[in-house]
Amino acid sequence: MELGEFYPAPDELVGYEVGLLNYLRDQPYIKDMHPQFAQDAAIYFARNKGTPAGFEFFSWLDVLHTDKKRSYKARPNIRLVIGARIERQGGAYKNVSYCLAVCRARSLAVLRKFHFDVTPCGGERRQPHPHCHLQYCGGIIPRMTTMGIRPTQLTPLYPTLSEPRIFSWPMSLGLLIDMTLHEFPDSKSTKFRAAPEWQSIIRKHESAVLRPFFEKCLEVIKYRGADRKTLADAFYVS
């Protein structure tokens, strides 16, 4: 299966991501509660705007996470590191990757790290894996080291083990931010997510990235030909 059968063209996807940064850089909630994120949104908006080579973003959200067993002071104790990279080769995708790392806010100890990747056809691979997949841990991304995270901090997560790459729906930066705020909520982030402007952005990302994917899934499942494939096999790329 070719990537273009269920995934937006590079210009379209990059356009959505650049538009997202344009919104976030001046959004009152982001500027008030996550000033570093707003600053980075402005920097990467200027850097990515009108650039045909691809797209890149890196920043973090500091949040307060509590549970019933522990009592925390009313200050952020979790740093959610968010990264995105869309690499292009000619007019096609070379690689698409979105990263989420959950760290302790003060020590920057890495507690969780996920990659949501989209892989085009072609290239050298040790074994086939899904076009779009979720990967636990993965290697450290360069900007994480500049913020003070050491590669050795990932050692307990075994970053050299690439498998399993779990078949999953594709991600966008907007969808990743929305999911992250949904998983680590507070009253202000909940209000931000419920705002019509943000809901409109997320619906556009869903229409561009998720709708064609799920339509293709349904097409594969409903197909009754003799050469029918399972859903997993249909989305695997060599």
Protein backbone atom coordinates (compact mmCIF):
# COMPACT_ATOMS: atom_id res chain seq x y z
CA MET A 1 0.00 0.00 0.00
CA GLU A 2 1.32 3.44 -0.91
CA LEU A 3 1.36 6.13 1.77
CA GLY A 4 -0.65 8.52 -0.41
CA GLU A 5 -3.63 6.15 -0.28
CA PHE A 6 -4.44 7.20 3.29
CA TYR A 7 -2.10 10.06 4.28
CA PRO A 8 -2.14 13.76 3.32
CA ALA A 9 0.43 15.16 0.90
CA PRO A 10 3.52 16.78 2.49
CA ASP A 11 2.50 20.34 1.60
CA GLU A 12 -0.93 19.82 3.16
CA LEU A 13 0.37 18.31 6.39
CA VAL A 14 3.10 20.93 6.82
CA GLY A 15 0.51 23.64 6.18
CA TYR A 16 -1.64 22.34 9.02
CA GLU A 17 1.34 22.16 11.40
CA VAL A 18 2.56 25.67 10.57
CA GLY A 19 -0.97 27.01 11.03
CA LEU A 20 -1.12 25.31 14.42
CA LEU A 21 2.07 27.06 15.58
CA ASN A 22 0.70 30.37 14.32
CA TYR A 23 -2.29 29.89 16.61
CA LEU A 24 -0.35 28.65 19.65
CA ARG A 25 2.31 31.37 19.65
CA ASP A 26 -0.26 34.06 20.59
CA GLN A 27 -2.83 31.93 22.45
CA PRO A 28 -3.45 33.46 25.93
CA TYR A 29 -3.57 30.15 27.83
CA ILE A 30 -0.32 28.94 26.27
CA LYS A 31 1.44 32.28 26.83
CA ASP A 32 0.28 32.45 30.45
CA MET A 33 0.70 28.83 31.59
CA HIS A 34 3.39 27.57 29.19
CA PRO A 35 5.49 30.60 28.16
CA GLN A 36 8.40 28.49 26.89
CA PHE A 37 6.04 26.58 24.64
CA ALA A 38 4.59 29.82 23.28
CA GLN A 39 8.09 31.18 22.67
CA ASP A 40 9.13 28.00 20.86
CA ALA A 41 5.93 28.05 18.81
CA ALA A 42 6.84 31.54 17.61
CA ILE A 43 10.43 30.53 16.84
CA TYR A 44 9.49 27.40 14.92
CA PHE A 45 6.63 29.17 13.14
CA ALA A 46 9.10 31.67 11.69
CA ARG A 47 11.57 28.88 10.91
CA ASN A 48 9.06 26.58 9.20
CA LYS A 49 6.93 29.16 7.40
CA GLY A 50 7.53 28.98 3.67
CA THR A 51 10.21 26.27 4.02
CA PRO A 52 9.69 23.45 1.50
CA ALA A 53 12.24 21.14 3.11
CA GLY A 54 9.92 19.88 5.84
CA PHE A 55 8.87 20.76 9.37
CA GLU A 56 10.41 20.66 12.83
CA PHE A 57 9.22 21.54 16.34
CA PHE A 58 10.49 20.93 19.86
CA SER A 59 9.30 22.22 23.24
CA TRP A 60 7.73 21.13 26.50
CA LEU A 61 4.75 21.61 28.79
CA ASP A 62 5.23 21.67 32.56
CA VAL A 63 2.19 20.23 34.34
CA LEU A 64 1.10 19.16 37.79
CA HIS A 65 0.33 15.45 38.04
CA THR A 66 -1.17 14.04 41.23
CA ASP A 67 -2.38 10.66 42.41
CA LYS A 68 -4.15 9.40 45.48
CA LYS A 69 -1.03 7.94 47.09
CA ARG A 70 1.09 11.07 47.11
CA SER A 71 0.66 14.72 47.89
CA TYR A 72 2.50 17.27 45.73
CA LYS A 73 3.10 20.92 46.19
CA ALA A 74 1.09 23.11 43.85
CA ARG A 75 3.82 23.46 41.25
CA PRO A 76 4.55 21.53 38.05
CA ASN A 77 6.22 18.20 38.73
CA ILE A 78 6.06 16.66 35.25
CA ARG A 79 7.67 17.93 32.06
CA LEU A 80 6.05 16.73 28.85
CA VAL A 81 8.57 16.95 26.03
CA ILE A 82 6.97 17.22 22.60
CA GLY A 83 8.80 17.00 19.30
CA ALA A 84 7.87 16.73 15.63
CA ARG A 85 9.90 16.20 12.47
CA ILE A 86 8.66 15.91 8.90
CA GLU A 87 11.50 15.13 6.50
CA ARG A 88 11.03 15.38 2.76
CA GLN A 89 12.97 14.09 -0.21
CA GLY A 90 11.96 15.80 -3.40
CA GLY A 91 8.18 16.04 -3.33
CA ALA A 92 7.69 12.98 -1.12
CA TYR A 93 8.05 12.06 2.53
CA LYS A 94 11.35 10.69 3.76
CA ASN A 95 10.33 10.30 7.39
CA VAL A 96 7.62 11.56 9.76
CA SER A 97 8.01 11.28 13.52
CA TYR A 98 6.25 12.73 16.57
CA CYS A 99 7.75 12.27 20.03
CA LEU A 100 6.31 12.46 23.53
CA ALA A 101 8.56 12.05 26.57
CA VAL A 102 7.26 12.19 30.14
CA CYS A 103 9.96 13.47 32.50
CA ARG A 104 10.26 14.67 36.06
CA ALA A 105 10.20 18.45 35.95
CA ARG A 106 13.21 19.09 38.20
CA SER A 107 15.58 16.15 37.62
CA LEU A 108 14.45 15.54 34.00
CA ALA A 109 14.46 11.79 34.70
CA VAL A 110 12.77 10.14 31.73
CA LEU A 111 9.74 8.12 32.88
CA ARG A 112 8.13 7.35 29.51
CA LYS A 113 9.03 8.02 25.89
CA PHE A 114 6.98 7.30 22.79
CA HIS A 115 7.37 7.83 19.07
CA PHE A 116 4.44 8.04 16.67
CA ASP A 117 5.99 7.43 13.26
CA VAL A 118 4.89 7.29 9.64
CA THR A 119 7.15 5.38 7.27
CA PRO A 120 6.96 5.65 3.47
CA CYS A 121 7.73 2.83 1.07
CA GLY A 122 11.33 2.29 0.04
CA GLY A 123 14.51 2.49 2.10
CA GLU A 124 16.45 -0.21 3.88
CA ARG A 125 14.78 -2.02 6.77
CA ARG A 126 15.84 -4.94 8.89
CA GLN A 127 12.29 -6.23 8.79
CA PRO A 128 8.86 -5.01 7.63
CA HIS A 129 6.86 -2.79 9.96
CA PRO A 130 3.61 -0.81 9.83
CA HIS A 131 3.37 2.35 7.73
CA CYS A 132 2.13 4.16 10.84
CA HIS A 133 3.09 2.86 14.24
CA LEU A 134 3.67 3.55 17.90
CA GLN A 135 7.13 2.78 19.23
CA TYR A 136 8.04 2.72 22.91
CA CYS A 137 11.20 4.60 23.81
CA GLY A 138 13.23 4.90 20.59
CA GLY A 139 16.51 6.82 20.51
CA ILE A 140 17.08 10.18 22.13
CA ILE A 141 16.39 13.18 19.92
CA PRO A 142 19.16 15.83 19.78
CA ARG A 143 17.16 18.67 21.34
CA MET A 144 16.57 16.55 24.46
CA THR A 145 20.31 16.63 25.17
CA THR A 146 20.42 20.43 24.84
CA MET A 147 17.76 20.73 27.56
CA GLY A 148 19.87 18.60 29.92
CA ILE A 149 18.68 15.04 29.35
CA ARG A 150 21.59 12.59 29.09
CA PRO A 151 21.42 9.62 26.70
CA THR A 152 22.21 7.31 29.63
CA GLN A 153 18.91 8.33 31.23
CA LEU A 154 17.16 6.26 28.56
CA THR A 155 19.18 3.12 29.37
CA PRO A 156 16.51 1.61 31.70
CA LEU A 157 14.03 1.91 28.82
CA TYR A 158 16.25 -0.12 26.44
CA PRO A 159 16.21 2.34 23.52
CA THR A 160 18.16 -0.04 21.26
CA LEU A 161 15.18 -2.43 21.18
CA SER A 162 13.08 -1.12 18.28
CA GLU A 163 10.39 -3.78 18.37
CA PRO A 164 7.52 -4.02 18.68
CA ARG A 165 6.41 -1.27 16.35
CA ILE A 166 2.71 -1.24 17.15
CA PHE A 167 0.29 -0.62 14.29
CA SER A 168 -1.58 2.57 15.15
CA TRP A 169 -3.33 5.53 13.60
CA PRO A 170 -1.14 8.41 12.32
CA MET A 171 -0.47 11.43 14.47
CA SER A 172 -0.14 15.17 13.93
CA LEU A 173 1.32 17.81 16.24
CA GLY A 174 -2.14 19.16 17.01
CA LEU A 175 -3.50 15.70 17.82
CA LEU A 176 -0.48 14.95 20.01
CA ILE A 177 -0.81 18.18 22.00
CA ASP A 178 -4.54 17.65 22.43
CA MET A 179 -4.03 14.06 23.63
CA THR A 180 -1.28 15.15 26.02
CA LEU A 181 -3.38 17.87 27.63
CA HIS A 182 -6.28 15.42 27.85
CA GLU A 183 -4.10 12.90 29.70
CA PHE A 184 -2.59 15.49 32.08
CA PRO A 185 -5.55 17.81 32.64
CA ASP A 186 -6.24 20.74 34.89
CA SER A 187 -9.09 23.23 34.90
CA LYS A 188 -7.33 25.71 32.61
CA SER A 189 -6.16 23.17 30.04
CA THR A 190 -9.64 21.64 29.99
CA LYS A 191 -11.10 25.06 29.24
CA PHE A 192 -8.49 25.60 26.52
CA ARG A 193 -9.32 22.27 24.87
CA ALA A 194 -13.03 23.04 24.94
CA ALA A 195 -12.66 26.42 23.20
CA PRO A 196 -14.30 26.54 19.73
CA GLU A 197 -11.06 27.74 18.11
CA TRP A 198 -9.07 24.75 19.38
CA GLN A 199 -11.88 22.32 18.62
CA SER A 200 -11.94 23.64 15.05
CA ILE A 201 -8.19 23.09 14.65
CA ILE A 202 -8.39 19.55 15.99
CA ARG A 203 -11.32 18.68 13.75
CA LYS A 204 -9.32 19.87 10.73
CA HIS A 205 -6.40 17.68 11.79
CA GLU A 206 -8.76 14.75 12.27
CA SER A 207 -10.25 15.27 8.81
CA ALA A 208 -6.82 15.54 7.17
CA VAL A 209 -4.94 12.79 9.03
CA LEU A 210 -7.42 10.40 10.68
CA ARG A 211 -10.40 10.30 8.34
CA PRO A 212 -8.57 8.94 5.25
CA PHE A 213 -6.73 6.42 7.45
CA PHE A 214 -9.89 5.01 9.01
CA GLU A 215 -11.66 5.01 5.65
CA LYS A 216 -8.80 2.91 4.26
CA CYS A 217 -9.05 0.59 7.29
CA LEU A 218 -12.75 0.11 6.60
CA GLU A 219 -12.05 -0.54 2.91
CA VAL A 220 -9.53 -3.27 3.80
CA ILE A 221 -11.84 -4.90 6.34
CA LYS A 222 -14.85 -4.90 4.00
CA TYR A 223 -12.97 -6.25 0.98
CA ARG A 224 -14.00 -9.84 0.17
CA GLY A 225 -11.69 -10.69 -2.76
CA ALA A 226 -9.57 -13.83 -2.90
CA ASP A 227 -6.44 -11.72 -2.37
CA ARG A 228 -7.84 -10.19 0.80
CA LYS A 229 -5.27 -9.19 3.44
CA THR A 230 -5.61 -8.70 7.15
CA LEU A 231 -5.60 -5.10 8.30
CA ALA A 232 -2.14 -5.45 9.83
CA ASP A 233 -0.62 -7.00 6.71
CA ALA A 234 -2.19 -4.38 4.43
CA PHE A 235 -0.45 -1.58 6.31
CA TYR A 236 2.95 -3.23 6.63
CA VAL A 237 5.76 -1.87 4.49
CA SER A 238 8.94 -3.72 3.51
